[in-house]
N, C-alpha and C. Protein backbone atom coordinates (compact mmCIF):
# COMPACT_ATOMS: atom_id res chain seq x y z
N MET A 1 221.45 166.74 118.24
CA MET A 1 220.17 166.67 117.57
C MET A 1 220.25 165.65 116.44
N ALA A 2 219.20 164.90 116.27
CA ALA A 2 219.14 163.86 115.24
C ALA A 2 218.90 164.49 113.87
N ASN A 3 219.51 163.89 112.85
CA ASN A 3 219.23 164.30 111.47
C ASN A 3 217.98 163.56 111.02
N LEU A 4 216.92 164.29 110.75
CA LEU A 4 215.65 163.68 110.38
C LEU A 4 215.49 163.64 108.87
N ASP A 5 215.17 162.45 108.35
CA ASP A 5 214.88 162.36 106.93
C ASP A 5 213.36 162.43 106.74
N LYS A 6 212.92 162.33 105.50
CA LYS A 6 211.48 162.48 105.23
C LYS A 6 210.66 161.37 105.89
N TYR A 7 211.24 160.20 106.06
CA TYR A 7 210.53 159.09 106.71
C TYR A 7 210.35 159.36 108.20
N ASP A 8 211.41 159.90 108.83
CA ASP A 8 211.31 160.26 110.24
C ASP A 8 210.19 161.28 110.46
N LYS A 9 210.15 162.28 109.61
CA LYS A 9 209.15 163.34 109.76
C LYS A 9 207.74 162.79 109.63
N VAL A 10 207.53 161.88 108.69
CA VAL A 10 206.21 161.27 108.51
C VAL A 10 205.83 160.47 109.74
N LEU A 11 206.73 159.62 110.22
CA LEU A 11 206.43 158.77 111.36
C LEU A 11 206.22 159.55 112.65
N ILE A 12 207.02 160.56 112.86
CA ILE A 12 206.87 161.38 114.07
C ILE A 12 205.49 162.04 114.08
N GLU A 13 205.10 162.58 112.94
CA GLU A 13 203.81 163.27 112.86
C GLU A 13 202.63 162.32 112.96
N ILE A 14 202.67 161.20 112.25
CA ILE A 14 201.53 160.29 112.22
C ILE A 14 201.45 159.41 113.46
N VAL A 15 202.57 158.85 113.87
CA VAL A 15 202.56 157.84 114.93
C VAL A 15 203.00 158.39 116.29
N CYS A 16 204.20 158.87 116.36
CA CYS A 16 204.78 159.23 117.67
C CYS A 16 203.96 160.28 118.42
N LYS A 17 203.65 161.37 117.75
CA LYS A 17 202.96 162.47 118.42
C LYS A 17 201.55 162.11 118.86
N HIS A 18 200.95 161.13 118.23
CA HIS A 18 199.56 160.83 118.52
C HIS A 18 199.30 159.49 119.18
N SER A 19 200.26 158.59 119.16
CA SER A 19 199.95 157.28 119.74
C SER A 19 201.03 156.69 120.63
N CYS A 20 202.12 157.37 120.80
CA CYS A 20 203.18 156.82 121.66
C CYS A 20 203.14 157.48 123.03
N ARG A 21 202.90 156.68 124.03
CA ARG A 21 202.83 157.23 125.39
C ARG A 21 204.21 157.61 125.92
N PHE A 22 205.26 157.21 125.24
CA PHE A 22 206.62 157.52 125.69
C PHE A 22 207.21 158.74 124.99
N TYR A 23 206.55 159.20 123.91
CA TYR A 23 207.05 160.35 123.15
C TYR A 23 206.86 161.63 123.95
N LYS A 24 207.90 162.46 123.99
CA LYS A 24 207.83 163.77 124.63
C LYS A 24 207.97 164.82 123.54
N GLN A 25 207.20 165.87 123.66
CA GLN A 25 207.18 166.91 122.63
C GLN A 25 208.60 167.37 122.27
N ASN A 26 208.86 167.39 120.98
CA ASN A 26 210.16 167.80 120.41
C ASN A 26 211.33 166.93 120.86
N GLN A 27 211.03 165.72 121.27
CA GLN A 27 212.06 164.79 121.72
C GLN A 27 213.11 164.56 120.63
N GLU A 28 212.66 164.52 119.38
CA GLU A 28 213.57 164.28 118.26
C GLU A 28 214.59 165.40 118.08
N GLU A 29 214.30 166.57 118.62
CA GLU A 29 215.24 167.70 118.53
C GLU A 29 216.27 167.68 119.65
N LYS A 30 215.94 166.99 120.74
CA LYS A 30 216.79 167.00 121.93
C LYS A 30 217.65 165.75 122.08
N GLU A 31 217.20 164.65 121.48
CA GLU A 31 217.91 163.38 121.66
C GLU A 31 218.40 162.85 120.32
N GLU A 32 219.56 162.24 120.35
CA GLU A 32 220.10 161.65 119.13
C GLU A 32 219.37 160.36 118.77
N ASP A 33 219.09 159.54 119.77
CA ASP A 33 218.42 158.27 119.49
C ASP A 33 217.10 158.20 120.25
N PHE A 34 216.03 158.64 119.59
CA PHE A 34 214.71 158.70 120.19
C PHE A 34 213.80 157.60 119.66
N ARG A 35 214.29 156.80 118.72
CA ARG A 35 213.44 155.83 118.02
C ARG A 35 213.39 154.48 118.73
N CYS A 36 212.17 153.95 118.86
CA CYS A 36 211.99 152.62 119.45
C CYS A 36 212.08 151.56 118.36
N GLY A 37 212.04 150.31 118.76
CA GLY A 37 212.13 149.20 117.80
C GLY A 37 210.99 149.20 116.80
N ALA A 38 209.77 149.46 117.28
CA ALA A 38 208.61 149.49 116.37
C ALA A 38 208.77 150.60 115.34
N TYR A 39 209.26 151.74 115.78
CA TYR A 39 209.51 152.87 114.88
C TYR A 39 210.46 152.46 113.77
N LEU A 40 211.54 151.79 114.14
CA LEU A 40 212.56 151.40 113.16
C LEU A 40 212.01 150.39 112.15
N VAL A 41 211.17 149.47 112.60
CA VAL A 41 210.57 148.48 111.71
C VAL A 41 209.63 149.18 110.72
N ILE A 42 208.75 150.05 111.24
CA ILE A 42 207.80 150.75 110.37
C ILE A 42 208.55 151.66 109.40
N LYS A 43 209.60 152.31 109.86
CA LYS A 43 210.38 153.18 108.98
C LYS A 43 210.99 152.38 107.83
N GLU A 44 211.53 151.23 108.13
CA GLU A 44 212.12 150.39 107.08
C GLU A 44 211.06 149.95 106.08
N MET A 45 209.88 149.58 106.57
CA MET A 45 208.78 149.20 105.67
C MET A 45 208.37 150.37 104.79
N LEU A 46 208.34 151.57 105.35
CA LEU A 46 208.01 152.77 104.60
C LEU A 46 209.06 153.04 103.53
N LYS A 47 210.33 152.93 103.88
CA LYS A 47 211.42 153.16 102.94
C LYS A 47 211.40 152.15 101.79
N GLU A 48 211.05 150.90 102.10
CA GLU A 48 211.04 149.85 101.09
C GLU A 48 209.75 149.82 100.27
N GLY A 49 208.82 150.70 100.60
CA GLY A 49 207.56 150.76 99.86
C GLY A 49 206.58 149.66 100.23
N LYS A 50 206.81 149.01 101.36
CA LYS A 50 205.91 147.94 101.80
C LYS A 50 204.66 148.50 102.47
N ILE A 51 204.72 149.75 102.88
CA ILE A 51 203.59 150.45 103.48
C ILE A 51 203.72 151.93 103.10
N THR A 52 202.59 152.61 102.99
CA THR A 52 202.61 154.03 102.65
C THR A 52 202.17 154.86 103.85
N ASP A 53 202.44 156.15 103.79
CA ASP A 53 201.98 157.02 104.88
C ASP A 53 200.46 157.02 104.95
N LYS A 54 199.79 156.89 103.81
CA LYS A 54 198.33 156.82 103.80
C LYS A 54 197.85 155.56 104.54
N GLN A 55 198.51 154.45 104.31
CA GLN A 55 198.14 153.21 105.00
C GLN A 55 198.37 153.33 106.51
N ILE A 56 199.44 153.98 106.89
CA ILE A 56 199.72 154.17 108.32
C ILE A 56 198.61 154.99 108.95
N ARG A 57 198.17 156.05 108.27
CA ARG A 57 197.07 156.88 108.78
C ARG A 57 195.79 156.05 108.91
N GLU A 58 195.51 155.21 107.91
CA GLU A 58 194.30 154.38 107.95
C GLU A 58 194.36 153.37 109.10
N ILE A 59 195.52 152.78 109.30
CA ILE A 59 195.69 151.83 110.40
C ILE A 59 195.49 152.55 111.73
N TYR A 60 196.06 153.72 111.86
CA TYR A 60 195.93 154.48 113.09
C TYR A 60 194.46 154.78 113.40
N ARG A 61 193.69 155.11 112.37
CA ARG A 61 192.26 155.39 112.57
C ARG A 61 191.51 154.16 113.09
N SER A 62 192.00 152.97 112.80
CA SER A 62 191.32 151.75 113.24
C SER A 62 191.73 151.33 114.65
N VAL A 63 192.74 151.98 115.22
CA VAL A 63 193.17 151.67 116.59
C VAL A 63 192.09 152.19 117.54
N PRO A 64 191.66 151.38 118.49
CA PRO A 64 190.64 151.85 119.44
C PRO A 64 191.06 153.15 120.11
N LYS A 65 190.12 154.05 120.26
CA LYS A 65 190.42 155.37 120.82
C LYS A 65 191.08 155.28 122.19
N LYS A 66 190.71 154.31 123.00
CA LYS A 66 191.30 154.22 124.33
C LYS A 66 192.79 153.86 124.27
N ALA A 67 193.24 153.30 123.15
CA ALA A 67 194.65 152.94 123.00
C ALA A 67 195.47 154.10 122.45
N GLN A 68 194.79 155.10 121.88
CA GLN A 68 195.49 156.24 121.32
C GLN A 68 195.85 157.21 122.42
N VAL A 69 197.02 157.82 122.32
CA VAL A 69 197.48 158.75 123.31
C VAL A 69 197.70 160.09 122.62
N TYR A 70 197.11 161.12 123.12
CA TYR A 70 197.29 162.45 122.53
C TYR A 70 198.15 163.26 123.47
N THR A 71 199.22 163.83 122.91
CA THR A 71 200.14 164.63 123.73
C THR A 71 199.92 166.09 123.47
């Protein structure tokens, strides 16, 4: 099981669970390396303060509904 930090928890909840067609429910509990390249880039930006969780939510709201995937 992967050790999840606060950034992982934010990204999984905001992005992975709602917009990633490859995410499987509770995947982060079953796999050590579940993160894609985009995830890692966004996580680094979040850690460095270049983007906030609020901004990620706002960006997600602007994504066309047909591109969003609900699991």
